Amino acid sequence: MDNERPRIIGILTSRLPYDLANLMYKEFDDRFREVNFFIEHFSYYRRYKTDLRAIEILLAMSIFYRRVVANFDGAVQFRRTITSHSQAEIVQIGSYELDKGETNQLLSVIIGFRNLKLKYGIGDGMFMFDDTKGFFRQVRDLKKSFNRRRN
């Protein structure tokens, strides 16, 4: 990874609470270390060495999706369900009160992330994996999809 460029995980977590950002950094570092190990020690994965920057971005996006976007989406859907079946204007989740304005802020993050995925043809499946091998399978499938669109 080029030390001159900002790390995408830092960009994605820059406005998050410290504890969450720290958790996401650790998850990213652990997973990216595994990615590099696979590339360096298993011939099958060496083909991804030239794609390390794209892999870094996809990995950071997947962590951001699973830790932030999916939770925001769940909160928005929950609020919609409650407010559509009652007179409630604010939904309390634990000690947090989710009102229309905050829901719109969450929606802007969700929509922005979806637009980014659409722009680059990244499906939700890219973020659904349990381990590093699963992540590589998603990268492989995404590369195949890109190659089909180019040809």
Protein backbone atom coordinates (compact mmCIF):
# COMPACT_ATOMS: atom_id res chain seq x y z
CA MET A 1 0.00 0.00 0.00
CA ASP A 2 1.34 3.43 -0.97
CA ASN A 3 2.02 5.50 2.16
CA GLU A 4 1.64 8.76 0.17
CA ARG A 5 -2.10 8.22 -0.38
CA PRO A 6 -4.59 8.57 2.45
CA ARG A 7 -5.98 5.26 3.63
CA ILE A 8 -9.59 4.93 2.58
CA ILE A 9 -10.55 3.48 5.95
CA GLY A 10 -9.40 6.73 7.55
CA ILE A 11 -11.52 8.76 5.16
CA LEU A 12 -14.59 6.62 5.83
CA THR A 13 -14.19 6.71 9.61
CA SER A 14 -13.05 10.32 10.04
CA ARG A 15 -16.40 11.58 11.35
CA LEU A 16 -17.37 8.54 13.38
CA PRO A 17 -17.16 8.19 17.17
CA TYR A 18 -13.69 7.18 18.31
CA ASP A 19 -14.66 3.74 19.64
CA LEU A 20 -16.42 2.74 16.41
CA ALA A 21 -13.69 4.17 14.20
CA ASN A 22 -11.04 2.34 16.24
CA LEU A 23 -12.95 -0.94 15.95
CA MET A 24 -13.26 -0.50 12.18
CA TYR A 25 -9.56 0.35 11.85
CA LYS A 26 -8.60 -2.79 13.75
CA GLU A 27 -10.94 -4.94 11.66
CA PHE A 28 -9.54 -3.40 8.48
CA ASP A 29 -5.90 -3.85 9.54
CA ASP A 30 -6.46 -7.47 10.56
CA ARG A 31 -8.28 -8.35 7.35
CA PHE A 32 -5.84 -6.46 5.11
CA ARG A 33 -2.93 -8.22 6.82
CA GLU A 34 -4.63 -11.54 5.93
CA VAL A 35 -5.15 -10.37 2.34
CA ASN A 36 -1.44 -9.62 2.03
CA PHE A 37 -0.54 -12.94 3.62
CA PHE A 38 -2.67 -14.83 1.11
CA ILE A 39 -1.17 -12.90 -1.81
CA GLU A 40 2.40 -13.47 -0.63
CA HIS A 41 2.08 -17.12 0.42
CA PHE A 42 -0.45 -18.76 -1.91
CA SER A 43 0.13 -18.82 -5.65
CA TYR A 44 -3.61 -18.78 -6.42
CA TYR A 45 -3.98 -15.33 -4.80
CA ARG A 46 -0.85 -13.76 -6.35
CA ARG A 47 -2.97 -12.65 -9.29
CA TYR A 48 -4.49 -10.02 -6.97
CA LYS A 49 -1.17 -8.33 -6.19
CA THR A 50 -1.74 -5.72 -8.91
CA ASP A 51 -5.21 -5.02 -7.49
CA LEU A 52 -4.15 -4.14 -3.94
CA ARG A 53 -5.42 -0.54 -4.08
CA ALA A 54 -8.83 -1.69 -5.35
CA ILE A 55 -8.86 -4.45 -2.72
CA GLU A 56 -8.06 -1.89 -0.02
CA ILE A 57 -10.99 0.28 -1.15
CA LEU A 58 -13.41 -2.65 -1.41
CA LEU A 59 -12.39 -3.98 1.98
CA ALA A 60 -12.82 -0.57 3.63
CA MET A 61 -16.19 -0.14 1.93
CA SER A 62 -17.33 -3.56 3.10
CA ILE A 63 -16.42 -2.78 6.70
CA PHE A 64 -18.12 0.62 6.48
CA TYR A 65 -21.21 -1.01 4.98
CA ARG A 66 -21.48 -3.69 7.64
CA ARG A 67 -20.66 -1.47 10.63
CA VAL A 68 -22.40 1.76 9.60
CA VAL A 69 -24.62 1.69 6.51
CA ALA A 70 -26.48 -1.53 7.34
CA ASN A 71 -27.20 -0.24 10.86
CA PHE A 72 -28.36 3.14 9.54
CA ASP A 73 -30.61 1.35 7.06
CA GLY A 74 -32.07 -0.80 9.82
CA ALA A 75 -32.78 2.25 11.98
CA VAL A 76 -34.45 4.09 9.09
CA GLN A 77 -36.59 1.07 8.22
CA PHE A 78 -37.53 0.60 11.88
CA ARG A 79 -38.55 4.25 12.20
CA ARG A 80 -40.58 4.03 8.98
CA THR A 81 -42.43 0.98 10.25
CA ILE A 82 -43.24 2.61 13.60
CA THR A 83 -44.27 6.00 12.20
CA SER A 84 -46.39 4.50 9.43
CA HIS A 85 -48.43 2.47 11.95
CA SER A 86 -48.78 5.07 14.69
CA GLN A 87 -48.88 8.76 15.47
CA ALA A 88 -45.25 8.73 16.65
CA GLU A 89 -42.93 11.43 15.31
CA ILE A 90 -39.87 10.29 17.26
CA VAL A 91 -38.73 6.74 17.82
CA GLN A 92 -36.63 5.98 20.85
CA ILE A 93 -33.94 3.34 20.35
CA GLY A 94 -32.36 2.73 23.74
CA SER A 95 -31.56 6.18 25.05
CA TYR A 96 -31.39 7.61 21.52
CA GLU A 97 -34.30 9.49 19.95
CA LEU A 98 -34.53 9.25 16.17
CA ASP A 99 -36.56 12.06 14.62
CA LYS A 100 -37.32 12.96 11.01
CA GLY A 101 -34.31 15.27 10.64
CA GLU A 102 -31.86 12.67 11.89
CA THR A 103 -33.54 10.04 9.75
CA ASN A 104 -32.89 12.24 6.73
CA GLN A 105 -29.23 12.53 7.70
CA LEU A 106 -28.97 8.75 7.92
CA LEU A 107 -30.72 8.46 4.56
CA SER A 108 -28.18 10.79 2.97
CA VAL A 109 -25.37 8.45 4.03
CA ILE A 110 -27.30 5.40 2.80
CA ILE A 111 -28.16 7.01 -0.54
CA GLY A 112 -24.61 8.30 -1.02
CA PHE A 113 -23.22 4.82 -0.41
CA ARG A 114 -25.76 3.24 -2.78
CA ASN A 115 -24.91 5.78 -5.48
CA LEU A 116 -21.22 4.98 -5.10
CA LYS A 117 -21.95 1.27 -5.47
CA LEU A 118 -24.14 1.90 -8.52
CA LYS A 119 -21.55 4.15 -10.16
CA TYR A 120 -18.95 1.38 -9.98
CA GLY A 121 -21.29 -1.57 -10.48
CA ILE A 122 -20.75 -3.02 -7.02
CA GLY A 123 -23.56 -5.23 -5.79
CA ASP A 124 -24.50 -5.87 -2.17
CA GLY A 125 -22.93 -9.31 -2.46
CA MET A 126 -19.50 -7.68 -2.45
CA PHE A 127 -19.97 -6.96 1.23
CA MET A 128 -21.33 -10.36 2.24
CA PHE A 129 -18.48 -12.60 3.31
CA ASP A 130 -17.40 -14.37 6.47
CA ASP A 131 -13.67 -14.71 5.96
CA THR A 132 -10.80 -13.57 3.75
CA LYS A 133 -11.34 -16.36 1.24
CA GLY A 134 -14.95 -15.27 0.94
CA PHE A 135 -13.79 -11.71 0.37
CA PHE A 136 -11.46 -12.88 -2.41
CA ARG A 137 -14.39 -14.76 -4.00
CA GLN A 138 -16.38 -11.53 -4.04
CA VAL A 139 -13.42 -9.65 -5.57
CA ARG A 140 -13.08 -12.37 -8.21
CA ASP A 141 -16.77 -12.16 -9.08
CA LEU A 142 -16.64 -8.37 -9.27
CA LYS A 143 -13.62 -8.54 -11.60
CA LYS A 144 -15.48 -11.01 -13.83
CA SER A 145 -18.45 -8.66 -13.92
CA PHE A 146 -16.22 -5.71 -14.89
CA ASN A 147 -14.55 -7.75 -17.62
CA ARG A 148 -17.92 -8.83 -19.06
CA ARG A 149 -19.09 -5.22 -19.19
CA ARG A 150 -15.91 -4.08 -20.90
CA ASN A 151 -16.12 -6.78 -23.60
